[in-house]
Amino acid sequence: MTMINVALSEHAAEKLHRAAARRGTSISELLDQVVERYVADLAVWSDWNEGDQEDAELGEIEQEQRAYEARHSQLLEAYPGQYIAMLNGCVVDHDADRVALGRRIRTRYGNRSVLITPVRQEARQTIVIRRPRLIEEAA
């Protein structure tokens, strides 16, 4: 993780503290999420990053992910336990078999960025990655 210093107005800093507290997260984690989403939106909606196709595709997938999260309760009711494919905020196909769904989507849409995700009880899946840390003893 890289550390940088950023000057914020007192008002912005207070809002940031409150938002992090409401979400039960650290300010660093909240800022990381905000910056990732903001930059992804820029990659999709702005021409400043025209040449970087990979960032644009990632931005499209993140936009589809946000649409999925916004419609999660509807999708859970309609497609519980299935995989769905979303394009432009709409479900374009679904199947219990992810591989079969992926093949149909690839045939239909080629290399376009289409979100394929399982519809589970929680809109966001939490993945915990454990890694060893060296604990240095004070001399």
C-alpha atoms as a PDB file:
ATOM      1  CA  MET A   1       0.000   0.000   0.000  1.00  0.00           C
ATOM      2  CA  THR A   2       1.306   3.448  -0.880  1.00  0.00           C
ATOM      3  CA  MET A   3       0.940   6.328   1.543  1.00  0.00           C
ATOM      4  CA  ILE A   4       0.230   9.844   0.281  1.00  0.00           C
ATOM      5  CA  ASN A   5      -0.721  13.055   2.036  1.00  0.00           C
ATOM      6  CA  VAL A   6      -3.767  14.938   0.799  1.00  0.00           C
ATOM      7  CA  ALA A   7      -4.908  18.349   2.025  1.00  0.00           C
ATOM      8  CA  LEU A   8      -8.673  18.490   2.621  1.00  0.00           C
ATOM      9  CA  SER A   9     -10.889  21.291   3.783  1.00  0.00           C
ATOM     10  CA  GLU A  10     -12.097  20.920   7.351  1.00  0.00           C
ATOM     11  CA  HIS A  11     -15.638  20.412   6.067  1.00  0.00           C
ATOM     12  CA  ALA A  12     -14.567  17.617   3.692  1.00  0.00           C
ATOM     13  CA  ALA A  13     -12.504  15.937   6.421  1.00  0.00           C
ATOM     14  CA  GLU A  14     -15.484  15.960   8.808  1.00  0.00           C
ATOM     15  CA  LYS A  15     -17.750  14.458   6.146  1.00  0.00           C
ATOM     16  CA  LEU A  16     -15.144  11.789   5.451  1.00  0.00           C
ATOM     17  CA  HIS A  17     -14.874  10.882   9.154  1.00  0.00           C
ATOM     18  CA  ARG A  18     -18.669  10.622   9.475  1.00  0.00           C
ATOM     19  CA  ALA A  19     -19.036   8.526   6.318  1.00  0.00           C
ATOM     20  CA  ALA A  20     -16.319   6.097   7.418  1.00  0.00           C
ATOM     21  CA  ALA A  21     -17.886   5.779  10.881  1.00  0.00           C
ATOM     22  CA  ARG A  22     -21.342   5.094   9.377  1.00  0.00           C
ATOM     23  CA  ARG A  23     -19.896   2.334   7.215  1.00  0.00           C
ATOM     24  CA  GLY A  24     -17.783   0.887   9.996  1.00  0.00           C
ATOM     25  CA  THR A  25     -14.606   1.214   7.965  1.00  0.00           C
ATOM     26  CA  SER A  26     -11.385   3.147   8.122  1.00  0.00           C
ATOM     27  CA  ILE A  27     -10.906   6.424   6.303  1.00  0.00           C
ATOM     28  CA  SER A  28      -8.172   4.799   4.202  1.00  0.00           C
ATOM     29  CA  GLU A  29     -10.482   1.986   3.079  1.00  0.00           C
ATOM     30  CA  LEU A  30     -13.306   4.409   2.325  1.00  0.00           C
ATOM     31  CA  LEU A  31     -11.038   6.703   0.297  1.00  0.00           C
ATOM     32  CA  ASP A  32      -9.627   3.718  -1.589  1.00  0.00           C
ATOM     33  CA  GLN A  33     -13.160   2.635  -2.577  1.00  0.00           C
ATOM     34  CA  VAL A  34     -14.206   6.169  -3.524  1.00  0.00           C
ATOM     35  CA  VAL A  35     -11.129   6.758  -5.678  1.00  0.00           C
ATOM     36  CA  GLU A  36     -11.463   3.362  -7.414  1.00  0.00           C
ATOM     37  CA  ARG A  37     -15.099   4.059  -8.308  1.00  0.00           C
ATOM     38  CA  TYR A  38     -14.398   7.630  -9.386  1.00  0.00           C
ATOM     39  CA  VAL A  39     -11.504   6.634 -11.634  1.00  0.00           C
ATOM     40  CA  ALA A  40     -13.561   3.770 -13.104  1.00  0.00           C
ATOM     41  CA  ASP A  41     -16.350   6.219 -13.939  1.00  0.00           C
ATOM     42  CA  LEU A  42     -13.837   8.555 -15.576  1.00  0.00           C
ATOM     43  CA  ALA A  43     -12.520   5.703 -17.696  1.00  0.00           C
ATOM     44  CA  VAL A  44     -16.017   5.053 -19.028  1.00  0.00           C
ATOM     45  CA  TRP A  45     -17.414   8.572 -19.342  1.00  0.00           C
ATOM     46  CA  SER A  46     -14.368  10.703 -20.074  1.00  0.00           C
ATOM     47  CA  ASP A  47     -12.072  10.786 -23.063  1.00  0.00           C
ATOM     48  CA  TRP A  48      -8.991  11.524 -20.907  1.00  0.00           C
ATOM     49  CA  ASN A  49      -8.223   7.807 -20.836  1.00  0.00           C
ATOM     50  CA  GLU A  50      -9.127   6.950 -24.423  1.00  0.00           C
ATOM     51  CA  GLY A  51      -6.117   4.779 -25.141  1.00  0.00           C
ATOM     52  CA  ASP A  52      -6.434   2.505 -22.135  1.00  0.00           C
ATOM     53  CA  GLN A  53      -8.940  -0.159 -23.216  1.00  0.00           C
ATOM     54  CA  GLU A  54      -8.367  -2.342 -20.164  1.00  0.00           C
ATOM     55  CA  ASP A  55      -9.315   0.444 -17.741  1.00  0.00           C
ATOM     56  CA  ALA A  56     -12.398   1.250 -19.821  1.00  0.00           C
ATOM     57  CA  GLU A  57     -13.522  -2.395 -19.746  1.00  0.00           C
ATOM     58  CA  LEU A  58     -12.944  -2.566 -16.015  1.00  0.00           C
ATOM     59  CA  GLY A  59     -15.013   0.598 -15.632  1.00  0.00           C
ATOM     60  CA  GLU A  60     -17.838  -0.972 -17.636  1.00  0.00           C
ATOM     61  CA  ILE A  61     -17.831  -4.064 -15.438  1.00  0.00           C
ATOM     62  CA  GLU A  62     -17.811  -1.916 -12.292  1.00  0.00           C
ATOM     63  CA  GLN A  63     -20.765   0.038 -13.683  1.00  0.00           C
ATOM     64  CA  GLU A  64     -22.620  -3.249 -14.254  1.00  0.00           C
ATOM     65  CA  GLN A  65     -21.687  -4.316 -10.711  1.00  0.00           C
ATOM     66  CA  ARG A  66     -23.239  -1.124  -9.334  1.00  0.00           C
ATOM     67  CA  ALA A  67     -26.401  -1.795 -11.377  1.00  0.00           C
ATOM     68  CA  TYR A  68     -26.479  -5.334  -9.961  1.00  0.00           C
ATOM     69  CA  GLU A  69     -26.149  -4.020  -6.410  1.00  0.00           C
ATOM     70  CA  ALA A  70     -28.870  -1.417  -6.967  1.00  0.00           C
ATOM     71  CA  ARG A  71     -31.299  -4.053  -8.284  1.00  0.00           C
ATOM     72  CA  HIS A  72     -30.156  -6.880  -6.012  1.00  0.00           C
ATOM     73  CA  SER A  73     -33.470  -7.488  -4.213  1.00  0.00           C
ATOM     74  CA  GLN A  74     -35.359  -7.753  -7.534  1.00  0.00           C
ATOM     75  CA  LEU A  75     -32.703 -10.029  -8.995  1.00  0.00           C
ATOM     76  CA  LEU A  76     -32.669 -12.258  -5.914  1.00  0.00           C
ATOM     77  CA  GLU A  77     -36.419 -12.696  -6.204  1.00  0.00           C
ATOM     78  CA  ALA A  78     -36.281 -13.500  -9.933  1.00  0.00           C
ATOM     79  CA  TYR A  79     -33.019 -15.498 -10.187  1.00  0.00           C
ATOM     80  CA  PRO A  80     -32.142 -16.999  -6.774  1.00  0.00           C
ATOM     81  CA  GLY A  81     -29.089 -19.257  -6.909  1.00  0.00           C
ATOM     82  CA  GLN A  82     -28.543 -18.687 -10.623  1.00  0.00           C
ATOM     83  CA  TYR A  83     -25.901 -16.844 -12.584  1.00  0.00           C
ATOM     84  CA  ILE A  84     -26.983 -13.762 -14.486  1.00  0.00           C
ATOM     85  CA  ALA A  85     -25.357 -11.843 -17.317  1.00  0.00           C
ATOM     86  CA  MET A  86     -25.813  -8.056 -17.211  1.00  0.00           C
ATOM     87  CA  LEU A  87     -25.179  -5.585 -20.005  1.00  0.00           C
ATOM     88  CA  ASN A  88     -26.135  -1.903 -19.837  1.00  0.00           C
ATOM     89  CA  GLY A  89     -27.832  -2.520 -16.481  1.00  0.00           C
ATOM     90  CA  CYS A  90     -30.173  -5.204 -17.868  1.00  0.00           C
ATOM     91  CA  VAL A  91     -30.169  -8.971 -17.423  1.00  0.00           C
ATOM     92  CA  VAL A  92     -29.528 -10.371 -20.889  1.00  0.00           C
ATOM     93  CA  ASP A  93     -29.392 -14.067 -19.909  1.00  0.00           C
ATOM     94  CA  HIS A  94     -29.352 -16.376 -16.878  1.00  0.00           C
ATOM     95  CA  ASP A  95     -28.554 -19.997 -16.095  1.00  0.00           C
ATOM     96  CA  ALA A  96     -27.728 -22.253 -13.157  1.00  0.00           C
ATOM     97  CA  ASP A  97     -24.650 -23.386 -15.132  1.00  0.00           C
ATOM     98  CA  ARG A  98     -22.033 -20.626 -15.261  1.00  0.00           C
ATOM     99  CA  VAL A  99     -20.048 -22.291 -18.059  1.00  0.00           C
ATOM    100  CA  ALA A 100     -23.089 -22.673 -20.323  1.00  0.00           C
ATOM    101  CA  LEU A 101     -24.072 -19.066 -19.649  1.00  0.00           C
ATOM    102  CA  GLY A 102     -20.537 -17.874 -20.383  1.00  0.00           C
ATOM    103  CA  ARG A 103     -20.491 -19.719 -23.718  1.00  0.00           C
ATOM    104  CA  ARG A 104     -23.804 -18.210 -24.808  1.00  0.00           C
ATOM    105  CA  ILE A 105     -22.700 -14.719 -23.796  1.00  0.00           C
ATOM    106  CA  ARG A 106     -19.366 -15.082 -25.631  1.00  0.00           C
ATOM    107  CA  THR A 107     -21.218 -16.295 -28.761  1.00  0.00           C
ATOM    108  CA  ARG A 108     -23.773 -13.503 -28.580  1.00  0.00           C
ATOM    109  CA  TYR A 109     -21.593 -10.569 -27.484  1.00  0.00           C
ATOM    110  CA  GLY A 110     -18.050 -11.547 -28.458  1.00  0.00           C
ATOM    111  CA  ASN A 111     -15.441  -9.694 -26.411  1.00  0.00           C
ATOM    112  CA  ARG A 112     -17.808  -7.062 -24.997  1.00  0.00           C
ATOM    113  CA  SER A 113     -17.659  -6.537 -21.253  1.00  0.00           C
ATOM    114  CA  VAL A 114     -20.626  -8.392 -19.767  1.00  0.00           C
ATOM    115  CA  LEU A 115     -20.938  -8.975 -16.022  1.00  0.00           C
ATOM    116  CA  ILE A 116     -21.594 -12.609 -15.140  1.00  0.00           C
ATOM    117  CA  THR A 117     -22.296 -13.039 -11.447  1.00  0.00           C
ATOM    118  CA  PRO A 118     -24.107 -15.420  -9.118  1.00  0.00           C
ATOM    119  CA  VAL A 119     -27.250 -14.091  -7.468  1.00  0.00           C
ATOM    120  CA  ARG A 120     -26.721 -14.747  -3.760  1.00  0.00           C
ATOM    121  CA  GLN A 121     -28.335 -13.529  -0.552  1.00  0.00           C
ATOM    122  CA  GLU A 122     -25.723 -10.791  -0.172  1.00  0.00           C
ATOM    123  CA  ALA A 123     -25.174  -8.317  -3.015  1.00  0.00           C
ATOM    124  CA  ARG A 124     -21.439  -8.191  -2.317  1.00  0.00           C
ATOM    125  CA  GLN A 125     -19.365 -11.221  -1.550  1.00  0.00           C
ATOM    126  CA  THR A 126     -16.714 -10.718   1.096  1.00  0.00           C
ATOM    127  CA  ILE A 127     -13.459 -12.470   0.360  1.00  0.00           C
ATOM    128  CA  VAL A 128     -10.926 -12.718   3.148  1.00  0.00           C
ATOM    129  CA  ILE A 129      -7.343 -13.297   2.112  1.00  0.00           C
ATOM    130  CA  ARG A 130      -5.062 -14.306   4.923  1.00  0.00           C
ATOM    131  CA  ARG A 131      -1.353 -13.783   4.606  1.00  0.00           C
ATOM    132  CA  PRO A 132       1.429 -14.302   7.080  1.00  0.00           C
ATOM    133  CA  ARG A 133       3.090 -11.297   8.691  1.00  0.00           C
ATOM    134  CA  LEU A 134       6.479 -11.117  10.286  1.00  0.00           C
ATOM    135  CA  ILE A 135       6.193  -9.736  13.795  1.00  0.00           C
ATOM    136  CA  GLU A 136       9.404  -8.116  14.881  1.00  0.00           C
ATOM    137  CA  GLU A 137      10.192  -8.130  18.554  1.00  0.00           C
ATOM    138  CA  ALA A 138      11.429  -4.936  20.142  1.00  0.00           C
ATOM    139  CA  ALA A 139      15.080  -5.233  21.109  1.00  0.00           C
END
